[in-house]
Amino acid sequence: MAQSLLKTPPMPVRTKLLHHIGLSLYNTSHGFNEEEVKKKLQQFSGGSVDLQKEDNGIGILTLNNPSKMNAFSGVMMLQLLEKVLELENWTEGKGLIVRGAKNTFSSGSDLNAVKALGTPEDGMALCMFMQNTLTRFVRLPLISVALVQGRALGGGAEITTACDFRLMTADSEIRFVHKEMGIIPSWGGATRLVEIIGSRQALKVLSGALKLDSKKALHIGMVEEILQSSDETECLKEAREWLQQFTKGPPEVIRALKKSVSSVKELCFEEALQTERDLLGTVWGGPANLEAIARKGKFNK
């Protein structure tokens, strides 16, 4: 029955593509050569991006380069893409916590790579690479939260905007320092920031290079909560507990919900409704639905 109902006129190509996890923004038609960018980034070593997948369907993605405040080396940018690809294929995944090692989030790009990639062409190529990676990250069917300890600066601040939610410890800060470096955000951070706090607040934050401490960030709607603890282990525990209230339930249902909400950001109203319909067809009459009906517990937790 569901299959016959889905036999509607073909969707626009853009909508079809957005149904597939892993779609990139840029390719050779935009003058983007991914393999050339990868070769350049491979030259700048240091640090790692680590992924731990837990049995409860929550992943922990750790930016690990503490000697440089978890700044992104070229190799870390490549590893971030690798981890996103791995998460795209994690069918049991429901949620993701993004954090930095040793009580700080990330200070953005490693200046050694920035200095070496000094031409406008290099800058645009790096921009397209990171926008591709973070757009794929945003489209993951996982509910994501950035756990901000210490400082999230520049590109680090942009990474927080790629998550669905943000949590901060009391003494942490988020700051888009790009203006002071003579540039603008290039990893999609400005665009996503407008979605999160609106254009007026975003313009203030970006043009003023404002330091958003936890109270200010909470006030303007940048973060959901200020955590009680600043201890690395305890605040990760708090973040995990916070996220689990949204990831309870079967993976197929949580993932479909995330896909449905994400589609609204990129599709027109009618296309988003069609996506919602298609996603419903993947869970209606499925194991979780049938089990819930058998329990007769529609309104019971």
C-alpha atoms as a PDB file:
ATOM      1  CA  MET A   1       0.000   0.000   0.000  1.00  0.00           C
ATOM      2  CA  ALA A   2       2.737   2.429   0.984  1.00  0.00           C
ATOM      3  CA  GLN A   3       4.651   1.720  -2.206  1.00  0.00           C
ATOM      4  CA  SER A   4       1.623   2.448  -4.403  1.00  0.00           C
ATOM      5  CA  LEU A   5       1.031   5.731  -2.593  1.00  0.00           C
ATOM      6  CA  LEU A   6       4.600   6.758  -3.292  1.00  0.00           C
ATOM      7  CA  LYS A   7       4.089   6.503  -7.056  1.00  0.00           C
ATOM      8  CA  THR A   8       3.842  10.238  -7.604  1.00  0.00           C
ATOM      9  CA  PRO A   9       5.343  12.447 -10.315  1.00  0.00           C
ATOM     10  CA  PRO A  10       9.144  12.539 -10.339  1.00  0.00           C
ATOM     11  CA  MET A  11      10.744  14.930  -7.897  1.00  0.00           C
ATOM     12  CA  PRO A  12      13.109  17.676  -9.020  1.00  0.00           C
ATOM     13  CA  VAL A  13      16.718  16.546  -9.328  1.00  0.00           C
ATOM     14  CA  ARG A  14      17.735  18.706  -6.360  1.00  0.00           C
ATOM     15  CA  THR A  15      15.222  16.948  -4.120  1.00  0.00           C
ATOM     16  CA  LYS A  16      16.308  13.493  -5.299  1.00  0.00           C
ATOM     17  CA  LEU A  17      19.934  14.292  -4.538  1.00  0.00           C
ATOM     18  CA  LEU A  18      19.120  15.523  -1.050  1.00  0.00           C
ATOM     19  CA  HIS A  19      17.566  12.139  -0.283  1.00  0.00           C
ATOM     20  CA  HIS A  20      21.038  10.634  -0.480  1.00  0.00           C
ATOM     21  CA  ILE A  21      23.422  11.036   2.423  1.00  0.00           C
ATOM     22  CA  GLY A  22      26.852  12.079   1.191  1.00  0.00           C
ATOM     23  CA  LEU A  23      26.011  14.707  -1.408  1.00  0.00           C
ATOM     24  CA  SER A  24      28.751  17.350  -1.735  1.00  0.00           C
ATOM     25  CA  LEU A  25      28.223  20.985  -2.668  1.00  0.00           C
ATOM     26  CA  TYR A  26      31.219  21.359  -4.977  1.00  0.00           C
ATOM     27  CA  ASN A  27      32.732  19.225  -7.720  1.00  0.00           C
ATOM     28  CA  THR A  28      34.823  19.696 -10.847  1.00  0.00           C
ATOM     29  CA  SER A  29      32.071  21.755 -12.483  1.00  0.00           C
ATOM     30  CA  HIS A  30      32.800  24.406  -9.824  1.00  0.00           C
ATOM     31  CA  GLY A  31      36.538  24.266 -10.493  1.00  0.00           C
ATOM     32  CA  PHE A  32      37.074  22.114  -7.414  1.00  0.00           C
ATOM     33  CA  ASN A  33      39.592  19.293  -7.593  1.00  0.00           C
ATOM     34  CA  GLU A  34      39.284  17.336  -4.350  1.00  0.00           C
ATOM     35  CA  GLU A  35      42.312  15.128  -4.947  1.00  0.00           C
ATOM     36  CA  GLU A  36      44.605  18.127  -5.455  1.00  0.00           C
ATOM     37  CA  VAL A  37      43.355  19.701  -2.222  1.00  0.00           C
ATOM     38  CA  LYS A  38      43.894  16.447  -0.357  1.00  0.00           C
ATOM     39  CA  LYS A  39      47.502  16.259  -1.565  1.00  0.00           C
ATOM     40  CA  LYS A  40      48.184  19.771  -0.286  1.00  0.00           C
ATOM     41  CA  LEU A  41      46.524  19.155   3.079  1.00  0.00           C
ATOM     42  CA  GLN A  42      48.453  15.912   3.561  1.00  0.00           C
ATOM     43  CA  GLN A  43      51.643  17.979   3.868  1.00  0.00           C
ATOM     44  CA  PHE A  44      50.525  19.511   7.167  1.00  0.00           C
ATOM     45  CA  SER A  45      50.643  16.857   9.855  1.00  0.00           C
ATOM     46  CA  GLY A  46      49.792  16.925  13.535  1.00  0.00           C
ATOM     47  CA  GLY A  47      46.888  15.939  15.726  1.00  0.00           C
ATOM     48  CA  SER A  48      44.008  13.635  14.928  1.00  0.00           C
ATOM     49  CA  VAL A  49      40.229  13.453  14.742  1.00  0.00           C
ATOM     50  CA  ASP A  50      39.076  10.475  16.788  1.00  0.00           C
ATOM     51  CA  LEU A  51      35.700   8.723  16.695  1.00  0.00           C
ATOM     52  CA  GLN A  52      34.262   6.456  19.360  1.00  0.00           C
ATOM     53  CA  LYS A  53      30.956   4.729  18.598  1.00  0.00           C
ATOM     54  CA  GLU A  54      29.039   3.554  21.650  1.00  0.00           C
ATOM     55  CA  ASP A  55      26.549   0.696  21.845  1.00  0.00           C
ATOM     56  CA  ASN A  56      23.744   3.124  22.737  1.00  0.00           C
ATOM     57  CA  GLY A  57      23.987   4.743  19.305  1.00  0.00           C
ATOM     58  CA  ILE A  58      25.873   7.847  20.458  1.00  0.00           C
ATOM     59  CA  GLY A  59      29.224   8.720  18.894  1.00  0.00           C
ATOM     60  CA  ILE A  60      31.971  10.865  20.426  1.00  0.00           C
ATOM     61  CA  LEU A  61      34.003  12.848  17.874  1.00  0.00           C
ATOM     62  CA  THR A  62      37.131  14.333  19.462  1.00  0.00           C
ATOM     63  CA  LEU A  63      39.336  17.044  17.959  1.00  0.00           C
ATOM     64  CA  ASN A  64      42.724  16.027  19.289  1.00  0.00           C
ATOM     65  CA  ASN A  65      45.656  18.407  18.895  1.00  0.00           C
ATOM     66  CA  PRO A  66      46.048  19.791  22.432  1.00  0.00           C
ATOM     67  CA  SER A  67      49.515  21.304  21.955  1.00  0.00           C
ATOM     68  CA  LYS A  68      47.888  23.774  19.518  1.00  0.00           C
ATOM     69  CA  MET A  69      44.523  24.171  21.280  1.00  0.00           C
ATOM     70  CA  ASN A  70      43.120  21.507  18.951  1.00  0.00           C
ATOM     71  CA  ALA A  71      43.779  23.614  15.854  1.00  0.00           C
ATOM     72  CA  PHE A  72      43.029  21.815  12.594  1.00  0.00           C
ATOM     73  CA  SER A  73      46.113  20.635  10.743  1.00  0.00           C
ATOM     74  CA  GLY A  74      45.740  19.595   7.123  1.00  0.00           C
ATOM     75  CA  VAL A  75      45.742  15.942   8.157  1.00  0.00           C
ATOM     76  CA  MET A  76      42.971  16.621  10.686  1.00  0.00           C
ATOM     77  CA  MET A  77      40.836  18.183   7.950  1.00  0.00           C
ATOM     78  CA  LEU A  78      41.291  15.006   5.921  1.00  0.00           C
ATOM     79  CA  GLN A  79      40.482  12.853   8.930  1.00  0.00           C
ATOM     80  CA  LEU A  80      37.344  14.869   9.625  1.00  0.00           C
ATOM     81  CA  LEU A  81      36.097  13.962   6.156  1.00  0.00           C
ATOM     82  CA  GLU A  82      36.988  10.302   6.763  1.00  0.00           C
ATOM     83  CA  LYS A  83      35.029  10.300  10.028  1.00  0.00           C
ATOM     84  CA  VAL A  84      32.013  11.917   8.347  1.00  0.00           C
ATOM     85  CA  LEU A  85      32.103   9.179   5.701  1.00  0.00           C
ATOM     86  CA  GLU A  86      32.235   6.571   8.466  1.00  0.00           C
ATOM     87  CA  LEU A  87      29.278   8.181  10.246  1.00  0.00           C
ATOM     88  CA  GLU A  88      27.270   8.243   7.017  1.00  0.00           C
ATOM     89  CA  ASN A  89      27.477   4.448   7.026  1.00  0.00           C
ATOM     90  CA  TRP A  90      26.759   3.951  10.742  1.00  0.00           C
ATOM     91  CA  THR A  91      23.216   2.673  10.476  1.00  0.00           C
ATOM     92  CA  GLU A  92      22.843   2.126  14.232  1.00  0.00           C
ATOM     93  CA  GLY A  93      23.879   5.683  15.060  1.00  0.00           C
ATOM     94  CA  LYS A  94      21.412   8.126  16.602  1.00  0.00           C
ATOM     95  CA  GLY A  95      23.447  10.937  18.156  1.00  0.00           C
ATOM     96  CA  LEU A  96      26.877  12.556  18.116  1.00  0.00           C
ATOM     97  CA  ILE A  97      28.872  14.665  20.580  1.00  0.00           C
ATOM     98  CA  VAL A  98      31.664  16.816  19.130  1.00  0.00           C
ATOM     99  CA  ARG A  99      34.321  17.885  21.621  1.00  0.00           C
ATOM    100  CA  GLY A 100      37.934  18.935  21.921  1.00  0.00           C
ATOM    101  CA  ALA A 101      40.667  17.142  23.850  1.00  0.00           C
ATOM    102  CA  LYS A 102      42.113  18.457  27.123  1.00  0.00           C
ATOM    103  CA  ASN A 103      39.385  20.892  28.131  1.00  0.00           C
ATOM    104  CA  THR A 104      39.321  23.110  25.067  1.00  0.00           C
ATOM    105  CA  PHE A 105      37.286  22.892  21.870  1.00  0.00           C
ATOM    106  CA  SER A 106      39.319  24.194  18.917  1.00  0.00           C
ATOM    107  CA  SER A 107      41.247  27.290  17.909  1.00  0.00           C
ATOM    108  CA  GLY A 108      40.427  26.832  14.213  1.00  0.00           C
ATOM    109  CA  SER A 109      43.004  26.319  11.482  1.00  0.00           C
ATOM    110  CA  ASP A 110      46.658  25.593  12.200  1.00  0.00           C
ATOM    111  CA  LEU A 111      48.519  28.751  11.154  1.00  0.00           C
ATOM    112  CA  ASN A 112      51.268  26.712   9.501  1.00  0.00           C
ATOM    113  CA  ALA A 113      48.754  25.498   6.923  1.00  0.00           C
ATOM    114  CA  VAL A 114      47.153  28.934   6.617  1.00  0.00           C
ATOM    115  CA  LYS A 115      50.512  30.576   5.845  1.00  0.00           C
ATOM    116  CA  ALA A 116      51.458  27.958   3.266  1.00  0.00           C
ATOM    117  CA  LEU A 117      48.081  28.133   1.505  1.00  0.00           C
ATOM    118  CA  GLY A 118      48.325  31.867   0.987  1.00  0.00           C
ATOM    119  CA  THR A 119      46.833  32.547  -2.449  1.00  0.00           C
ATOM    120  CA  PRO A 120      43.166  33.363  -3.085  1.00  0.00           C
ATOM    121  CA  GLU A 121      42.946  30.153  -5.142  1.00  0.00           C
ATOM    122  CA  ASP A 122      44.261  28.111  -2.216  1.00  0.00           C
ATOM    123  CA  GLY A 123      41.833  29.806   0.143  1.00  0.00           C
ATOM    124  CA  MET A 124      38.832  29.118  -2.076  1.00  0.00           C
ATOM    125  CA  ALA A 125      39.860  25.490  -2.597  1.00  0.00           C
ATOM    126  CA  LEU A 126      40.166  24.977   1.163  1.00  0.00           C
ATOM    127  CA  CYS A 127      36.835  26.744   1.625  1.00  0.00           C
ATOM    128  CA  MET A 128      35.123  24.362  -0.807  1.00  0.00           C
ATOM    129  CA  PHE A 129      36.736  21.320   0.804  1.00  0.00           C
ATOM    130  CA  MET A 130      35.595  22.253   4.314  1.00  0.00           C
ATOM    131  CA  GLN A 131      32.150  23.380   3.162  1.00  0.00           C
ATOM    132  CA  ASN A 132      31.736  20.016   1.440  1.00  0.00           C
ATOM    133  CA  THR A 133      32.782  18.170   4.591  1.00  0.00           C
ATOM    134  CA  LEU A 134      30.650  20.177   7.008  1.00  0.00           C
ATOM    135  CA  THR A 135      27.591  20.148   4.750  1.00  0.00           C
ATOM    136  CA  ARG A 136      27.803  16.369   4.695  1.00  0.00           C
ATOM    137  CA  PHE A 137      28.194  16.521   8.478  1.00  0.00           C
ATOM    138  CA  VAL A 138      25.072  18.688   8.832  1.00  0.00           C
ATOM    139  CA  ARG A 139      23.096  16.218   6.702  1.00  0.00           C
ATOM    140  CA  LEU A 140      24.033  13.222   8.853  1.00  0.00           C
ATOM    141  CA  PRO A 141      20.904  11.502  10.220  1.00  0.00           C
ATOM    142  CA  LEU A 142      22.323  11.918  13.729  1.00  0.00           C
ATOM    143  CA  ILE A 143      21.271  14.451  16.365  1.00  0.00           C
ATOM    144  CA  SER A 144      24.501  16.314  17.065  1.00  0.00           C
ATOM    145  CA  VAL A 145      25.685  18.536  19.901  1.00  0.00           C
ATOM    146  CA  ALA A 146      28.907  20.515  20.272  1.00  0.00           C
ATOM    147  CA  LEU A 147      30.362  20.277  23.767  1.00  0.00           C
ATOM    148  CA  VAL A 148      32.253  23.564  24.159  1.00  0.00           C
ATOM    149  CA  GLN A 149      34.918  23.616  26.830  1.00  0.00           C
ATOM    150  CA  GLY A 150      37.607  26.266  26.910  1.00  0.00           C
ATOM    151  CA  ARG A 151      37.690  28.191  23.655  1.00  0.00           C
ATOM    152  CA  ALA A 152      36.058  27.698  20.264  1.00  0.00           C
ATOM    153  CA  LEU A 153      37.756  30.242  18.016  1.00  0.00           C
ATOM    154  CA  GLY A 154      37.601  30.964  14.280  1.00  0.00           C
ATOM    155  CA  GLY A 155      37.125  27.671  12.472  1.00  0.00           C
ATOM    156  CA  GLY A 156      36.426  26.072  15.838  1.00  0.00           C
ATOM    157  CA  ALA A 157      33.453  28.408  16.266  1.00  0.00           C
ATOM    158  CA  GLU A 158      32.313  27.468  12.769  1.00  0.00           C
ATOM    159  CA  ILE A 159      32.422  23.766  13.667  1.00  0.00           C
ATOM    160  CA  THR A 160      29.998  24.394  16.545  1.00  0.00           C
ATOM    161  CA  THR A 161      27.450  25.826  14.088  1.00  0.00           C
ATOM    162  CA  ALA A 162      27.470  22.582  12.100  1.00  0.00           C
ATOM    163  CA  CYS A 163      25.953  20.790  15.100  1.00  0.00           C
ATOM    164  CA  ASP A 164      22.232  20.784  15.837  1.00  0.00           C
ATOM    165  CA  PHE A 165      22.834  21.983  19.403  1.00  0.00           C
ATOM    166  CA  ARG A 166      25.568  23.501  21.531  1.00  0.00           C
ATOM    167  CA  LEU A 167      26.357  23.081  25.237  1.00  0.00           C
ATOM    168  CA  MET A 168      28.959  25.170  27.060  1.00  0.00           C
ATOM    169  CA  THR A 169      30.802  24.909  30.328  1.00  0.00           C
ATOM    170  CA  ALA A 170      30.540  28.009  32.522  1.00  0.00           C
ATOM    171  CA  ASP A 171      34.054  29.275  31.772  1.00  0.00           C
ATOM    172  CA  SER A 172      34.116  28.586  28.031  1.00  0.00           C
ATOM    173  CA  GLU A 173      33.795  30.982  25.099  1.00  0.00           C
ATOM    174  CA  ILE A 174      32.889  31.032  21.413  1.00  0.00           C
ATOM    175  CA  ARG A 175      34.413  33.712  19.228  1.00  0.00           C
ATOM    176  CA  PHE A 176      34.410  34.279  15.476  1.00  0.00           C
ATOM    177  CA  VAL A 177      37.787  36.014  15.157  1.00  0.00           C
ATOM    178  CA  HIS A 178      37.867  36.033  11.353  1.00  0.00           C
ATOM    179  CA  LYS A 179      37.613  39.822  10.995  1.00  0.00           C
ATOM    180  CA  GLU A 180      40.754  40.235  13.073  1.00  0.00           C
ATOM    181  CA  MET A 181      42.535  37.892  10.646  1.00  0.00           C
ATOM    182  CA  GLY A 182      41.400  39.987   7.683  1.00  0.00           C
ATOM    183  CA  ILE A 183      38.980  37.374   6.345  1.00  0.00           C
ATOM    184  CA  ILE A 184      35.411  36.136   6.781  1.00  0.00           C
ATOM    185  CA  PRO A 185      34.163  32.698   7.875  1.00  0.00           C
ATOM    186  CA  SER A 186      34.734  30.213   5.067  1.00  0.00           C
ATOM    187  CA  TRP A 187      33.597  26.853   6.406  1.00  0.00           C
ATOM    188  CA  GLY A 188      29.905  27.793   6.183  1.00  0.00           C
ATOM    189  CA  GLY A 189      29.903  29.314   9.652  1.00  0.00           C
ATOM    190  CA  ALA A 190      28.353  32.677   8.747  1.00  0.00           C
ATOM    191  CA  THR A 191      25.484  31.061   6.865  1.00  0.00           C
ATOM    192  CA  ARG A 192      24.730  28.616   9.652  1.00  0.00           C
ATOM    193  CA  LEU A 193      25.106  31.292  12.338  1.00  0.00           C
ATOM    194  CA  VAL A 194      22.319  33.318  10.704  1.00  0.00           C
ATOM    195  CA  GLU A 195      20.097  30.226  10.856  1.00  0.00           C
ATOM    196  CA  ILE A 196      20.854  29.831  14.554  1.00  0.00           C
ATOM    197  CA  ILE A 197      20.599  33.384  15.941  1.00  0.00           C
ATOM    198  CA  GLY A 198      19.194  35.479  13.076  1.00  0.00           C
ATOM    199  CA  SER A 199      20.859  37.987  10.767  1.00  0.00           C
ATOM    200  CA  ARG A 200      20.962  40.975  13.155  1.00  0.00           C
ATOM    201  CA  GLN A 201      22.642  39.085  15.979  1.00  0.00           C
ATOM    202  CA  ALA A 202      24.934  37.262  13.553  1.00  0.00           C
ATOM    203  CA  LEU A 203      26.118  40.543  12.063  1.00  0.00           C
ATOM    204  CA  LYS A 204      26.943  41.849  15.531  1.00  0.00           C
ATOM    205  CA  VAL A 205      28.789  38.681  16.497  1.00  0.00           C
ATOM    206  CA  LEU A 206      30.817  38.560  13.267  1.00  0.00           C
ATOM    207  CA  SER A 207      31.562  42.232  12.682  1.00  0.00           C
ATOM    208  CA  GLY A 208      32.366  42.825  16.351  1.00  0.00           C
ATOM    209  CA  ALA A 209      34.372  39.619  16.680  1.00  0.00           C
ATOM    210  CA  LEU A 210      32.433  39.378  19.926  1.00  0.00           C
ATOM    211  CA  LYS A 211      33.556  37.114  22.723  1.00  0.00           C
ATOM    212  CA  LEU A 212      30.543  34.971  23.567  1.00  0.00           C
ATOM    213  CA  ASP A 213      30.941  33.721  27.100  1.00  0.00           C
ATOM    214  CA  SER A 214      28.477  31.083  28.229  1.00  0.00           C
ATOM    215  CA  LYS A 215      25.923  33.540  29.639  1.00  0.00           C
ATOM    216  CA  LYS A 216      25.968  35.765  26.557  1.00  0.00           C
ATOM    217  CA  ALA A 217      25.742  32.757  24.244  1.00  0.00           C
ATOM    218  CA  LEU A 218      22.764  31.424  26.189  1.00  0.00           C
ATOM    219  CA  HIS A 219      21.065  34.831  26.121  1.00  0.00           C
ATOM    220  CA  ILE A 220      21.232  35.200  22.331  1.00  0.00           C
ATOM    221  CA  GLY A 221      20.172  31.601  21.662  1.00  0.00           C
ATOM    222  CA  MET A 222      23.552  30.290  20.561  1.00  0.00           C
ATOM    223  CA  VAL A 223      23.567  27.477  23.117  1.00  0.00           C
ATOM    224  CA  GLU A 224      20.969  25.332  24.828  1.00  0.00           C
ATOM    225  CA  GLU A 225      22.403  25.062  28.316  1.00  0.00           C
ATOM    226  CA  ILE A 226      25.366  25.887  30.534  1.00  0.00           C
ATOM    227  CA  LEU A 227      26.706  22.705  32.067  1.00  0.00           C
ATOM    228  CA  GLN A 228      27.245  22.365  35.802  1.00  0.00           C
ATOM    229  CA  SER A 229      30.745  20.921  35.625  1.00  0.00           C
ATOM    230  CA  SER A 230      33.904  22.086  33.862  1.00  0.00           C
ATOM    231  CA  ASP A 231      35.733  18.816  34.484  1.00  0.00           C
ATOM    232  CA  GLU A 232      36.470  17.029  31.211  1.00  0.00           C
ATOM    233  CA  THR A 233      34.998  13.690  32.278  1.00  0.00           C
ATOM    234  CA  GLU A 234      32.008  15.080  34.147  1.00  0.00           C
ATOM    235  CA  CYS A 235      30.915  17.531  31.461  1.00  0.00           C
ATOM    236  CA  LEU A 236      31.085  14.760  28.833  1.00  0.00           C
ATOM    237  CA  LYS A 237      28.820  12.718  31.101  1.00  0.00           C
ATOM    238  CA  GLU A 238      26.432  15.688  31.361  1.00  0.00           C
ATOM    239  CA  ALA A 239      26.442  16.160  27.589  1.00  0.00           C
ATOM    240  CA  ARG A 240      25.753  12.464  27.038  1.00  0.00           C
ATOM    241  CA  GLU A 241      22.816  12.542  29.460  1.00  0.00           C
ATOM    242  CA  TRP A 242      21.460  15.706  27.815  1.00  0.00           C
ATOM    243  CA  LEU A 243      21.643  14.161  24.351  1.00  0.00           C
ATOM    244  CA  GLN A 244      20.113  10.850  25.389  1.00  0.00           C
ATOM    245  CA  GLN A 245      16.765  12.496  26.134  1.00  0.00           C
ATOM    246  CA  PHE A 246      16.460  13.071  22.359  1.00  0.00           C
ATOM    247  CA  THR A 247      17.942   9.783  21.149  1.00  0.00           C
ATOM    248  CA  LYS A 248      15.745   7.359  23.079  1.00  0.00           C
ATOM    249  CA  GLY A 249      14.007   5.058  20.641  1.00  0.00           C
ATOM    250  CA  PRO A 250      14.794   2.936  17.573  1.00  0.00           C
ATOM    251  CA  PRO A 251      17.549   4.238  15.276  1.00  0.00           C
ATOM    252  CA  GLU A 252      15.306   4.179  12.199  1.00  0.00           C
ATOM    253  CA  VAL A 253      12.825   6.538  13.852  1.00  0.00           C
ATOM    254  CA  ILE A 254      15.398   8.976  15.280  1.00  0.00           C
ATOM    255  CA  ARG A 255      17.254   9.072  11.956  1.00  0.00           C
ATOM    256  CA  ALA A 256      14.043   9.666   9.987  1.00  0.00           C
ATOM    257  CA  LEU A 257      13.102  12.533  12.322  1.00  0.00           C
ATOM    258  CA  LYS A 258      16.495  14.175  11.837  1.00  0.00           C
ATOM    259  CA  LYS A 259      16.299  13.782   8.056  1.00  0.00           C
ATOM    260  CA  SER A 260      12.816  15.284   7.989  1.00  0.00           C
ATOM    261  CA  VAL A 261      13.836  18.366   9.976  1.00  0.00           C
ATOM    262  CA  SER A 262      17.083  18.799   8.003  1.00  0.00           C
ATOM    263  CA  SER A 263      15.268  18.746   4.667  1.00  0.00           C
ATOM    264  CA  VAL A 264      13.343  21.900   5.588  1.00  0.00           C
ATOM    265  CA  LYS A 265      16.609  23.864   5.618  1.00  0.00           C
ATOM    266  CA  GLU A 266      17.373  23.074   1.995  1.00  0.00           C
ATOM    267  CA  LEU A 267      14.109  22.391   0.206  1.00  0.00           C
ATOM    268  CA  CYS A 268      11.093  24.467  -0.676  1.00  0.00           C
ATOM    269  CA  PHE A 269       7.904  23.829   1.308  1.00  0.00           C
ATOM    270  CA  GLU A 270       6.349  21.357  -1.132  1.00  0.00           C
ATOM    271  CA  GLU A 271       9.564  19.401  -1.573  1.00  0.00           C
ATOM    272  CA  ALA A 272      10.030  19.202   2.202  1.00  0.00           C
ATOM    273  CA  LEU A 273       6.495  17.822   2.555  1.00  0.00           C
ATOM    274  CA  GLN A 274       7.285  15.176  -0.071  1.00  0.00           C
ATOM    275  CA  THR A 275      10.423  14.254   1.842  1.00  0.00           C
ATOM    276  CA  GLU A 276       8.401  13.921   5.043  1.00  0.00           C
ATOM    277  CA  ARG A 277       5.998  11.642   3.200  1.00  0.00           C
ATOM    278  CA  ASP A 278       8.794   9.468   1.836  1.00  0.00           C
ATOM    279  CA  LEU A 279      10.444   9.164   5.246  1.00  0.00           C
ATOM    280  CA  LEU A 280       7.142   8.180   6.804  1.00  0.00           C
ATOM    281  CA  GLY A 281       6.987   5.305   4.334  1.00  0.00           C
ATOM    282  CA  THR A 282      10.224   3.942   5.834  1.00  0.00           C
ATOM    283  CA  VAL A 283       8.829   3.662   9.377  1.00  0.00           C
ATOM    284  CA  TRP A 284       5.022   3.287   9.076  1.00  0.00           C
ATOM    285  CA  GLY A 285       4.195  -0.361   9.640  1.00  0.00           C
ATOM    286  CA  GLY A 286       7.777  -1.025  10.661  1.00  0.00           C
ATOM    287  CA  PRO A 287       8.887  -2.950  13.764  1.00  0.00           C
ATOM    288  CA  ALA A 288       8.912   0.076  16.073  1.00  0.00           C
ATOM    289  CA  ASN A 289       5.497   1.231  14.877  1.00  0.00           C
ATOM    290  CA  LEU A 290       3.916  -2.214  15.228  1.00  0.00           C
ATOM    291  CA  GLU A 291       5.438  -2.730  18.662  1.00  0.00           C
ATOM    292  CA  ALA A 292       4.116   0.631  19.883  1.00  0.00           C
ATOM    293  CA  ILE A 293       0.632  -0.164  18.596  1.00  0.00           C
ATOM    294  CA  ALA A 294       0.717  -3.562  20.296  1.00  0.00           C
ATOM    295  CA  ARG A 295       1.591  -1.892  23.595  1.00  0.00           C
ATOM    296  CA  LYS A 296      -1.331   0.506  23.159  1.00  0.00           C
ATOM    297  CA  GLY A 297       0.933   3.076  24.728  1.00  0.00           C
ATOM    298  CA  LYS A 298       0.562   6.009  22.370  1.00  0.00           C
ATOM    299  CA  PHE A 299       0.640   8.602  25.135  1.00  0.00           C
ATOM    300  CA  ASN A 300       2.655   6.704  27.720  1.00  0.00           C
ATOM    301  CA  LYS A 301       6.352   7.130  28.198  1.00  0.00           C
END
